[in-house]
Amino acid sequence: MQQGWAREMIGKETVLWGSDYPHTDSTWPCSKQVLDEMFEDYSAETRDRITRTNVAELYSL
């Protein structure tokens, strides 16, 4: 299947990203590098929505 199919099917407006910090299997302290790799083929707007905007809207922040 093509990369990003789940995001397209679900919609970028409902996907959230999490690092699972402070658990030992989290991406911390390399979260920035992990995000850069995970979102290299995504637009800046989509990356921002999945990593920040969606959770801010969900919790009315």
N, C-alpha and C. Protein backbone atom coordinates (compact mmCIF):
# COMPACT_ATOMS: atom_id res chain seq x y z
N MET A 1 0.84 -1.19 0.00
CA MET A 1 0.00 0.00 0.00
C MET A 1 0.88 1.25 0.00
N GLN A 2 0.36 2.27 -0.55
CA GLN A 2 1.08 3.53 -0.65
C GLN A 2 1.20 4.18 0.73
N GLN A 3 2.36 4.77 1.00
CA GLN A 3 2.59 5.46 2.26
C GLN A 3 1.58 6.60 2.41
N GLY A 4 1.06 6.75 3.61
CA GLY A 4 0.12 7.82 3.88
C GLY A 4 -1.33 7.46 3.61
N TRP A 5 -1.60 6.21 3.24
CA TRP A 5 -2.98 5.82 2.90
C TRP A 5 -3.91 5.98 4.09
N ALA A 6 -3.45 5.63 5.31
CA ALA A 6 -4.31 5.75 6.49
C ALA A 6 -4.64 7.21 6.76
N ARG A 7 -3.65 8.08 6.64
CA ARG A 7 -3.87 9.51 6.85
C ARG A 7 -4.89 10.04 5.85
N GLU A 8 -4.79 9.59 4.60
CA GLU A 8 -5.73 10.04 3.58
C GLU A 8 -7.13 9.50 3.85
N MET A 9 -7.21 8.25 4.30
CA MET A 9 -8.51 7.64 4.56
C MET A 9 -9.17 8.25 5.79
N ILE A 10 -8.39 8.45 6.86
CA ILE A 10 -8.92 8.98 8.11
C ILE A 10 -9.09 10.49 8.02
N GLY A 11 -8.15 11.14 7.37
CA GLY A 11 -8.16 12.60 7.26
C GLY A 11 -7.14 13.21 8.20
N LYS A 12 -6.34 14.09 7.67
CA LYS A 12 -5.27 14.71 8.46
C LYS A 12 -5.81 15.53 9.62
N GLU A 13 -7.08 15.85 9.60
CA GLU A 13 -7.69 16.64 10.68
C GLU A 13 -7.95 15.81 11.94
N THR A 14 -7.82 14.48 11.85
CA THR A 14 -8.13 13.62 13.01
C THR A 14 -6.95 12.79 13.49
N VAL A 15 -5.78 12.97 12.90
CA VAL A 15 -4.59 12.21 13.27
C VAL A 15 -3.76 13.02 14.27
N LEU A 16 -3.27 12.34 15.32
CA LEU A 16 -2.39 12.97 16.30
C LEU A 16 -1.07 12.22 16.35
N TRP A 17 0.01 12.92 16.63
CA TRP A 17 1.32 12.29 16.81
C TRP A 17 1.68 12.39 18.28
N GLY A 18 2.32 11.34 18.80
CA GLY A 18 2.78 11.37 20.18
C GLY A 18 4.14 10.72 20.31
N SER A 19 4.92 11.19 21.25
CA SER A 19 6.27 10.65 21.45
C SER A 19 6.31 9.54 22.50
N ASP A 20 5.25 9.39 23.28
CA ASP A 20 5.15 8.43 24.38
C ASP A 20 6.13 8.74 25.52
N TYR A 21 6.60 9.99 25.58
CA TYR A 21 7.45 10.43 26.69
C TYR A 21 6.62 10.41 27.96
N PRO A 22 7.12 9.96 29.07
CA PRO A 22 8.49 9.66 29.46
C PRO A 22 8.83 8.17 29.44
N HIS A 23 8.08 7.35 28.76
CA HIS A 23 8.37 5.92 28.72
C HIS A 23 9.68 5.65 27.99
N THR A 24 10.32 4.56 28.34
CA THR A 24 11.64 4.25 27.78
C THR A 24 11.59 3.96 26.28
N ASP A 25 10.43 3.61 25.74
CA ASP A 25 10.34 3.34 24.31
C ASP A 25 9.88 4.58 23.52
N SER A 26 9.99 5.75 24.14
CA SER A 26 9.59 6.99 23.47
C SER A 26 10.66 7.43 22.48
N THR A 27 10.35 8.45 21.71
CA THR A 27 11.31 8.99 20.75
C THR A 27 12.26 10.01 21.40
N TRP A 28 11.97 10.42 22.61
CA TRP A 28 12.80 11.39 23.32
C TRP A 28 14.14 10.78 23.65
N PRO A 29 15.25 11.45 23.51
CA PRO A 29 15.46 12.86 23.22
C PRO A 29 15.65 13.15 21.73
N CYS A 30 15.27 12.23 20.88
CA CYS A 30 15.49 12.39 19.43
C CYS A 30 14.21 12.71 18.67
N SER A 31 13.22 13.25 19.36
CA SER A 31 11.92 13.48 18.73
C SER A 31 12.00 14.36 17.49
N LYS A 32 12.80 15.39 17.50
CA LYS A 32 12.94 16.28 16.34
C LYS A 32 13.44 15.50 15.13
N GLN A 33 14.46 14.67 15.32
CA GLN A 33 15.00 13.89 14.21
C GLN A 33 13.97 12.86 13.72
N VAL A 34 13.25 12.23 14.65
CA VAL A 34 12.22 11.26 14.28
C VAL A 34 11.13 11.94 13.46
N LEU A 35 10.69 13.12 13.91
CA LEU A 35 9.67 13.87 13.16
C LEU A 35 10.17 14.23 11.77
N ASP A 36 11.41 14.67 11.67
CA ASP A 36 11.97 15.04 10.37
C ASP A 36 11.94 13.85 9.41
N GLU A 37 12.25 12.65 9.92
CA GLU A 37 12.22 11.45 9.09
C GLU A 37 10.79 11.04 8.75
N MET A 38 9.91 11.04 9.75
CA MET A 38 8.54 10.59 9.55
C MET A 38 7.77 11.50 8.59
N PHE A 39 8.05 12.79 8.63
CA PHE A 39 7.27 13.75 7.87
C PHE A 39 8.03 14.35 6.69
N GLU A 40 9.08 13.68 6.23
CA GLU A 40 9.86 14.24 5.13
C GLU A 40 9.07 14.37 3.84
N ASP A 41 8.06 13.54 3.65
CA ASP A 41 7.25 13.61 2.42
C ASP A 41 5.92 14.33 2.62
N TYR A 42 5.75 14.98 3.76
CA TYR A 42 4.51 15.68 4.08
C TYR A 42 4.73 17.18 3.94
N SER A 43 3.69 17.90 3.64
CA SER A 43 3.80 19.35 3.59
C SER A 43 3.97 19.90 5.01
N ALA A 44 4.50 21.10 5.12
CA ALA A 44 4.67 21.73 6.42
C ALA A 44 3.32 21.92 7.11
N GLU A 45 2.29 22.22 6.34
CA GLU A 45 0.94 22.41 6.91
C GLU A 45 0.41 21.11 7.50
N THR A 46 0.60 19.99 6.80
CA THR A 46 0.13 18.70 7.30
C THR A 46 0.92 18.29 8.53
N ARG A 47 2.22 18.46 8.51
CA ARG A 47 3.05 18.13 9.68
C ARG A 47 2.60 18.94 10.89
N ASP A 48 2.40 20.23 10.71
CA ASP A 48 1.97 21.10 11.81
C ASP A 48 0.61 20.67 12.33
N ARG A 49 -0.30 20.32 11.44
CA ARG A 49 -1.65 19.90 11.86
C ARG A 49 -1.57 18.62 12.69
N ILE A 50 -0.82 17.63 12.23
CA ILE A 50 -0.75 16.34 12.92
C ILE A 50 0.02 16.44 14.23
N THR A 51 1.04 17.28 14.29
CA THR A 51 1.87 17.35 15.49
C THR A 51 1.46 18.42 16.49
N ARG A 52 0.62 19.40 16.08
CA ARG A 52 0.27 20.47 17.00
C ARG A 52 -1.19 20.91 16.93
N THR A 53 -1.64 21.29 15.74
CA THR A 53 -2.95 21.92 15.60
C THR A 53 -4.10 21.01 16.03
N ASN A 54 -4.06 19.74 15.63
CA ASN A 54 -5.16 18.84 15.97
C ASN A 54 -5.33 18.68 17.47
N VAL A 55 -4.24 18.53 18.20
CA VAL A 55 -4.37 18.36 19.65
C VAL A 55 -4.82 19.67 20.30
N ALA A 56 -4.37 20.80 19.79
CA ALA A 56 -4.81 22.10 20.32
C ALA A 56 -6.30 22.27 20.13
N GLU A 57 -6.80 21.88 18.95
CA GLU A 57 -8.24 21.96 18.71
C GLU A 57 -9.02 20.96 19.56
N LEU A 58 -8.50 19.76 19.73
CA LEU A 58 -9.16 18.72 20.51
C LEU A 58 -9.36 19.17 21.96
N TYR A 59 -8.33 19.78 22.53
CA TYR A 59 -8.39 20.21 23.93
C TYR A 59 -8.70 21.69 24.10
N SER A 60 -9.10 22.34 23.03
CA SER A 60 -9.45 23.78 23.06
C SER A 60 -8.35 24.62 23.69
N LEU A 61 -7.13 24.38 23.23
CA LEU A 61 -5.97 25.12 23.76
C LEU A 61 -5.70 26.35 22.93
